[in-house]
C-alpha atoms as a PDB file:
ATOM      1  CA  MET A   1     106.975 165.696  32.446  1.00  0.00           C
ATOM      2  CA  TRP A   2     106.298 163.680  29.300  1.00  0.00           C
ATOM      3  CA  CYS A   3     109.798 162.966  27.968  1.00  0.00           C
ATOM      4  CA  ALA A   4     113.247 164.584  27.979  1.00  0.00           C
ATOM      5  CA  GLY A   5     112.197 166.784  30.890  1.00  0.00           C
ATOM      6  CA  LEU A   6     109.518 168.457  28.782  1.00  0.00           C
ATOM      7  CA  PRO A   7     105.769 168.682  29.289  1.00  0.00           C
ATOM      8  CA  GLU A   8     103.734 166.980  26.568  1.00  0.00           C
ATOM      9  CA  ASP A   9     102.782 170.206  24.714  1.00  0.00           C
ATOM     10  CA  GLU A  10     106.450 171.255  24.419  1.00  0.00           C
ATOM     11  CA  PHE A  11     107.605 167.758  23.513  1.00  0.00           C
ATOM     12  CA  ARG A  12     105.044 167.590  20.671  1.00  0.00           C
ATOM     13  CA  LYS A  13     106.659 170.668  19.062  1.00  0.00           C
ATOM     14  CA  LEU A  14     109.987 168.860  18.589  1.00  0.00           C
ATOM     15  CA  PRO A  15     110.845 167.350  15.188  1.00  0.00           C
ATOM     16  CA  LEU A  16     110.039 163.641  14.827  1.00  0.00           C
ATOM     17  CA  ASP A  17     113.754 162.695  14.765  1.00  0.00           C
ATOM     18  CA  VAL A  18     114.253 164.343  18.144  1.00  0.00           C
ATOM     19  CA  ARG A  19     111.059 162.903  19.673  1.00  0.00           C
ATOM     20  CA  LEU A  20     112.003 159.366  18.629  1.00  0.00           C
ATOM     21  CA  HIS A  21     115.562 159.691  19.923  1.00  0.00           C
ATOM     22  CA  CYS A  22     114.317 161.071  23.246  1.00  0.00           C
ATOM     23  CA  ALA A  23     111.863 158.163  23.549  1.00  0.00           C
ATOM     24  CA  MET A  24     114.667 155.719  22.711  1.00  0.00           C
ATOM     25  CA  SER A  25     116.791 157.198  25.497  1.00  0.00           C
ATOM     26  CA  ASP A  26     114.141 156.083  28.022  1.00  0.00           C
ATOM     27  CA  LEU A  27     115.181 152.498  27.197  1.00  0.00           C
ATOM     28  CA  VAL A  28     118.947 152.898  27.619  1.00  0.00           C
ATOM     29  CA  GLY A  29     120.228 150.131  29.889  1.00  0.00           C
ATOM     30  CA  TRP A  30     117.188 147.895  29.466  1.00  0.00           C
ATOM     31  CA  ARG A  31     117.557 144.221  28.449  1.00  0.00           C
ATOM     32  CA  TYR A  32     115.441 141.891  26.360  1.00  0.00           C
ATOM     33  CA  GLY A  33     112.568 140.204  28.139  1.00  0.00           C
ATOM     34  CA  THR A  34     109.267 138.709  27.109  1.00  0.00           C
ATOM     35  CA  GLY A  35     105.934 137.705  28.588  1.00  0.00           C
ATOM     36  CA  ALA A  36     105.664 138.450  32.316  1.00  0.00           C
ATOM     37  CA  GLU A  37     109.147 140.063  32.290  1.00  0.00           C
ATOM     38  CA  VAL A  38     108.050 143.021  30.119  1.00  0.00           C
ATOM     39  CA  ARG A  39     107.904 146.476  31.674  1.00  0.00           C
ATOM     40  CA  PHE A  40     107.573 150.044  30.382  1.00  0.00           C
ATOM     41  CA  PRO A  41     109.665 153.027  31.536  1.00  0.00           C
ATOM     42  CA  LYS A  42     106.720 155.423  31.959  1.00  0.00           C
ATOM     43  CA  PHE A  43     102.968 155.442  31.793  1.00  0.00           C
ATOM     44  CA  ARG A  44     101.520 156.176  28.352  1.00  0.00           C
ATOM     45  CA  PRO A  45      97.946 155.981  27.126  1.00  0.00           C
ATOM     46  CA  MET A  46      97.180 152.438  25.890  1.00  0.00           C
ATOM     47  CA  LEU A  47     100.050 150.796  27.802  1.00  0.00           C
ATOM     48  CA  PRO A  48      99.001 148.630  30.764  1.00  0.00           C
ATOM     49  CA  SER A  49      99.754 150.753  33.835  1.00  0.00           C
ATOM     50  CA  HIS A  50     100.615 147.713  35.976  1.00  0.00           C
ATOM     51  CA  LEU A  51     103.662 147.126  33.721  1.00  0.00           C
ATOM     52  CA  VAL A  52     105.268 150.513  34.323  1.00  0.00           C
ATOM     53  CA  ASP A  53     108.904 150.281  35.453  1.00  0.00           C
ATOM     54  CA  PHE A  54     108.986 148.147  38.557  1.00  0.00           C
ATOM     55  CA  GLY A  55     111.298 145.210  38.921  1.00  0.00           C
ATOM     56  CA  GLU A  56     113.853 144.405  36.272  1.00  0.00           C
ATOM     57  CA  LYS A  57     113.932 146.591  33.186  1.00  0.00           C
ATOM     58  CA  ARG A  58     113.101 144.180  30.383  1.00  0.00           C
ATOM     59  CA  ILE A  59     111.250 144.742  27.120  1.00  0.00           C
ATOM     60  CA  ASP A  60     110.588 142.811  23.899  1.00  0.00           C
ATOM     61  CA  CYS A  61     110.468 144.115  20.331  1.00  0.00           C
ATOM     62  CA  SER A  62     106.738 144.808  20.048  1.00  0.00           C
ATOM     63  CA  SER A  63     106.587 146.421  23.488  1.00  0.00           C
ATOM     64  CA  ALA A  64     109.559 148.642  22.637  1.00  0.00           C
ATOM     65  CA  THR A  65     107.930 149.825  19.404  1.00  0.00           C
ATOM     66  CA  ALA A  66     104.607 150.389  21.222  1.00  0.00           C
ATOM     67  CA  TYR A  67     106.394 152.499  23.839  1.00  0.00           C
ATOM     68  CA  LEU A  68     108.294 154.534  21.242  1.00  0.00           C
ATOM     69  CA  LEU A  69     105.166 155.232  19.215  1.00  0.00           C
ATOM     70  CA  ALA A  70     103.036 156.179  22.227  1.00  0.00           C
ATOM     71  CA  THR A  71     105.809 158.481  23.490  1.00  0.00           C
ATOM     72  CA  ALA A  72     106.789 160.090  20.167  1.00  0.00           C
ATOM     73  CA  PHE A  73     103.144 160.623  19.162  1.00  0.00           C
ATOM     74  CA  PRO A  74     101.252 161.641  22.312  1.00  0.00           C
ATOM     75  CA  GLN A  75      98.450 162.968  20.096  1.00  0.00           C
ATOM     76  CA  GLY A  76      97.915 159.530  18.510  1.00  0.00           C
ATOM     77  CA  ARG A  77      94.545 157.824  18.854  1.00  0.00           C
ATOM     78  CA  TRP A  78      95.985 155.223  21.226  1.00  0.00           C
ATOM     79  CA  SER A  79      93.645 152.686  22.794  1.00  0.00           C
ATOM     80  CA  ARG A  80      93.649 149.148  24.142  1.00  0.00           C
ATOM     81  CA  ASP A  81      92.801 147.982  20.591  1.00  0.00           C
ATOM     82  CA  ARG A  82      95.896 149.731  19.184  1.00  0.00           C
ATOM     83  CA  TYR A  83      97.997 148.127  21.942  1.00  0.00           C
ATOM     84  CA  ARG A  84      96.633 144.660  21.102  1.00  0.00           C
ATOM     85  CA  GLU A  85      97.370 145.265  17.410  1.00  0.00           C
ATOM     86  CA  LEU A  86     100.929 146.444  18.111  1.00  0.00           C
ATOM     87  CA  GLN A  87     101.426 143.342  20.281  1.00  0.00           C
ATOM     88  CA  ILE A  88      99.884 141.028  17.642  1.00  0.00           C
ATOM     89  CA  MET A  89      97.496 139.467  20.127  1.00  0.00           C
ATOM     90  CA  ASP A  90      95.451 138.018  17.242  1.00  0.00           C
ATOM     91  CA  ALA A  91      97.590 135.426  15.422  1.00  0.00           C
ATOM     92  CA  SER A  92      95.233 135.558  12.438  1.00  0.00           C
ATOM     93  CA  ASP A  93      96.331 139.178  11.850  1.00  0.00           C
ATOM     94  CA  PRO A  94     100.153 139.096  11.922  1.00  0.00           C
ATOM     95  CA  TRP A  95     100.501 142.451  10.166  1.00  0.00           C
ATOM     96  CA  SER A  96      98.318 144.299  12.682  1.00  0.00           C
ATOM     97  CA  PRO A  97     101.135 146.657  13.835  1.00  0.00           C
ATOM     98  CA  VAL A  98     101.067 148.360  10.425  1.00  0.00           C
ATOM     99  CA  LYS A  99      97.286 148.726  10.700  1.00  0.00           C
ATOM    100  CA  ALA A 100      97.650 150.074  14.262  1.00  0.00           C
ATOM    101  CA  VAL A 101      99.904 152.911  13.089  1.00  0.00           C
ATOM    102  CA  GLU A 102      97.302 153.893  10.499  1.00  0.00           C
ATOM    103  CA  ALA A 103      94.368 153.561  12.916  1.00  0.00           C
ATOM    104  CA  ALA A 104      96.193 155.738  15.473  1.00  0.00           C
ATOM    105  CA  GLY A 105      96.631 158.452  12.831  1.00  0.00           C
ATOM    106  CA  VAL A 106     100.423 158.547  13.118  1.00  0.00           C
ATOM    107  CA  GLY A 107     101.418 157.055   9.778  1.00  0.00           C
ATOM    108  CA  SER A 108     100.487 155.018   6.737  1.00  0.00           C
ATOM    109  CA  ARG A 109     101.699 151.890   5.026  1.00  0.00           C
ATOM    110  CA  ILE A 110     104.270 152.167   2.288  1.00  0.00           C
ATOM    111  CA  ASP A 111     105.278 149.592  -0.308  1.00  0.00           C
ATOM    112  CA  LYS A 112     109.012 150.286  -0.254  1.00  0.00           C
ATOM    113  CA  PRO A 113     111.644 152.235   1.661  1.00  0.00           C
ATOM    114  CA  ILE A 114     111.641 156.014   1.195  1.00  0.00           C
ATOM    115  CA  PRO A 115     114.948 157.746   2.045  1.00  0.00           C
ATOM    116  CA  GLY A 116     114.678 160.103   5.024  1.00  0.00           C
ATOM    117  CA  VAL A 117     111.465 158.525   6.362  1.00  0.00           C
ATOM    118  CA  TRP A 118     111.002 156.910   9.776  1.00  0.00           C
ATOM    119  CA  ALA A 119     108.816 153.791   9.764  1.00  0.00           C
ATOM    120  CA  LEU A 120     107.543 150.930  11.855  1.00  0.00           C
ATOM    121  CA  SER A 121     108.753 147.658  10.338  1.00  0.00           C
ATOM    122  CA  GLN A 122     107.055 144.307  10.922  1.00  0.00           C
ATOM    123  CA  ALA A 123     108.698 141.167   9.529  1.00  0.00           C
ATOM    124  CA  TRP A 124     107.922 137.447   9.615  1.00  0.00           C
ATOM    125  CA  VAL A 125     109.602 134.174   8.736  1.00  0.00           C
ATOM    126  CA  ASP A 126     106.181 132.430   8.924  1.00  0.00           C
ATOM    127  CA  ASP A 127     103.109 134.673   8.912  1.00  0.00           C
ATOM    128  CA  THR A 128     100.319 132.097   8.881  1.00  0.00           C
ATOM    129  CA  THR A 129      98.659 129.627  11.203  1.00  0.00           C
ATOM    130  CA  SER A 130      96.739 127.919   8.380  1.00  0.00           C
ATOM    131  CA  ASP A 131      99.661 125.540   7.770  1.00  0.00           C
ATOM    132  CA  GLY A 132      99.068 123.856  11.132  1.00  0.00           C
ATOM    133  CA  ASP A 133     101.763 125.603  13.127  1.00  0.00           C
ATOM    134  CA  GLY A 134     101.952 129.024  14.710  1.00  0.00           C
ATOM    135  CA  LEU A 135     103.448 132.291  13.615  1.00  0.00           C
ATOM    136  CA  SER A 136     107.219 132.305  13.871  1.00  0.00           C
ATOM    137  CA  GLY A 137     110.217 134.510  13.430  1.00  0.00           C
ATOM    138  CA  GLY A 138     108.386 137.809  13.820  1.00  0.00           C
ATOM    139  CA  HIS A 139     110.184 141.029  14.644  1.00  0.00           C
ATOM    140  CA  ALA A 140     109.092 144.650  15.055  1.00  0.00           C
ATOM    141  CA  ARG A 141     111.465 147.591  14.830  1.00  0.00           C
ATOM    142  CA  ILE A 142     111.513 151.306  14.156  1.00  0.00           C
ATOM    143  CA  VAL A 143     113.686 152.239  11.172  1.00  0.00           C
ATOM    144  CA  LYS A 144     114.872 155.339   9.383  1.00  0.00           C
ATOM    145  CA  PHE A 145     115.577 154.804   5.709  1.00  0.00           C
ATOM    146  CA  ILE A 146     118.951 156.275   4.762  1.00  0.00           C
ATOM    147  CA  THR A 147     118.728 155.094   1.136  1.00  0.00           C
ATOM    148  CA  VAL A 148     116.259 152.841  -0.697  1.00  0.00           C
ATOM    149  CA  ASP A 149     118.128 149.918   0.885  1.00  0.00           C
ATOM    150  CA  GLN A 150     120.134 151.051   3.950  1.00  0.00           C
ATOM    151  CA  MET A 151     118.423 151.869   7.242  1.00  0.00           C
ATOM    152  CA  LEU A 152     119.088 152.892  10.810  1.00  0.00           C
ATOM    153  CA  VAL A 153     117.334 150.412  13.129  1.00  0.00           C
ATOM    154  CA  PHE A 154     116.014 150.713  16.670  1.00  0.00           C
ATOM    155  CA  GLU A 155     115.003 147.332  18.059  1.00  0.00           C
ATOM    156  CA  SER A 156     114.851 145.258  21.203  1.00  0.00           C
ATOM    157  CA  THR A 157     116.517 141.980  20.345  1.00  0.00           C
ATOM    158  CA  THR A 158     117.594 138.631  21.755  1.00  0.00           C
ATOM    159  CA  ARG A 159     120.820 138.820  19.729  1.00  0.00           C
ATOM    160  CA  ASP A 160     124.165 139.297  21.460  1.00  0.00           C
ATOM    161  CA  GLY A 161     123.153 137.732  24.766  1.00  0.00           C
ATOM    162  CA  ARG A 162     119.628 139.193  24.854  1.00  0.00           C
ATOM    163  CA  ILE A 163     121.072 142.687  24.587  1.00  0.00           C
ATOM    164  CA  GLY A 164     117.630 144.286  24.402  1.00  0.00           C
ATOM    165  CA  PRO A 165     117.145 147.791  22.998  1.00  0.00           C
ATOM    166  CA  ARG A 166     119.842 148.919  20.604  1.00  0.00           C
ATOM    167  CA  ILE A 167     120.491 151.047  17.552  1.00  0.00           C
ATOM    168  CA  THR A 168     122.186 149.424  14.590  1.00  0.00           C
ATOM    169  CA  THR A 169     122.032 149.402  10.800  1.00  0.00           C
ATOM    170  CA  SER A 170     120.565 146.964   8.317  1.00  0.00           C
ATOM    171  CA  SER A 171     119.308 146.847   4.781  1.00  0.00           C
ATOM    172  CA  HIS A 172     115.926 146.223   3.211  1.00  0.00           C
ATOM    173  CA  ALA A 173     117.485 143.466   1.084  1.00  0.00           C
ATOM    174  CA  ASP A 174     118.879 141.740   4.198  1.00  0.00           C
ATOM    175  CA  LEU A 175     115.500 141.860   5.933  1.00  0.00           C
ATOM    176  CA  LEU A 176     113.819 140.345   2.865  1.00  0.00           C
ATOM    177  CA  ARG A 177     116.392 137.506   2.878  1.00  0.00           C
ATOM    178  CA  ARG A 178     115.945 136.782   6.601  1.00  0.00           C
ATOM    179  CA  TYR A 179     112.160 137.171   6.790  1.00  0.00           C
ATOM    180  CA  THR A 180     110.830 134.910   4.057  1.00  0.00           C
ATOM    181  CA  ALA A 181     107.140 135.672   4.693  1.00  0.00           C
ATOM    182  CA  GLY A 182     107.798 139.366   4.147  1.00  0.00           C
ATOM    183  CA  VAL A 183     108.564 142.762   5.571  1.00  0.00           C
ATOM    184  CA  ARG A 184     105.998 145.554   5.756  1.00  0.00           C
ATOM    185  CA  TYR A 185     106.392 149.180   6.715  1.00  0.00           C
ATOM    186  CA  ALA A 186     104.245 152.030   7.998  1.00  0.00           C
ATOM    187  CA  ALA A 187     105.807 155.452   7.418  1.00  0.00           C
ATOM    188  CA  LEU A 188     105.572 157.595  10.541  1.00  0.00           C
ATOM    189  CA  GLY A 189     104.379 161.175  10.577  1.00  0.00           C
ATOM    190  CA  GLU A 190     101.596 163.429  11.723  1.00  0.00           C
ATOM    191  CA  GLY A 191      98.421 162.009  10.260  1.00  0.00           C
END
């Protein structure tokens, strides 16, 4: 079974809203973790198989978005390169998650929120290493734009005692205030 008790071919027929919510449900009860703590609920192409659900159930923001994308889009062109891009393993390319969505054929970058659209969001407080320090304040999330400003947010976060995966709301304006280096989006959909 792929997700929600369905085989992959049946799961793929579901609307994107339903596929994303089903994938999110795989992370109910998980907590925030990073580095060696990170695990995945189920095997998916591109995800390291040795990290599949053993030990404590902990996941960070980029791993949570990678899992959701790989689950919701089983037909995506997922590879180790896409995984590295979603995890931002190259500090010189801090916006690689947006590129990964495009390269996998499951979405494309957009310049502003579009009501009704699901998107991967990547944000940074500091998005460069050329200033002598490292990247900082990065955060990946999956969002659904309700209006041109308001959004539903799925994220794995350290907030509220390292709560981990959660659904909340935010606004594009708030993200722009908090993430001074910028916020970029990749609209999700069959490519």
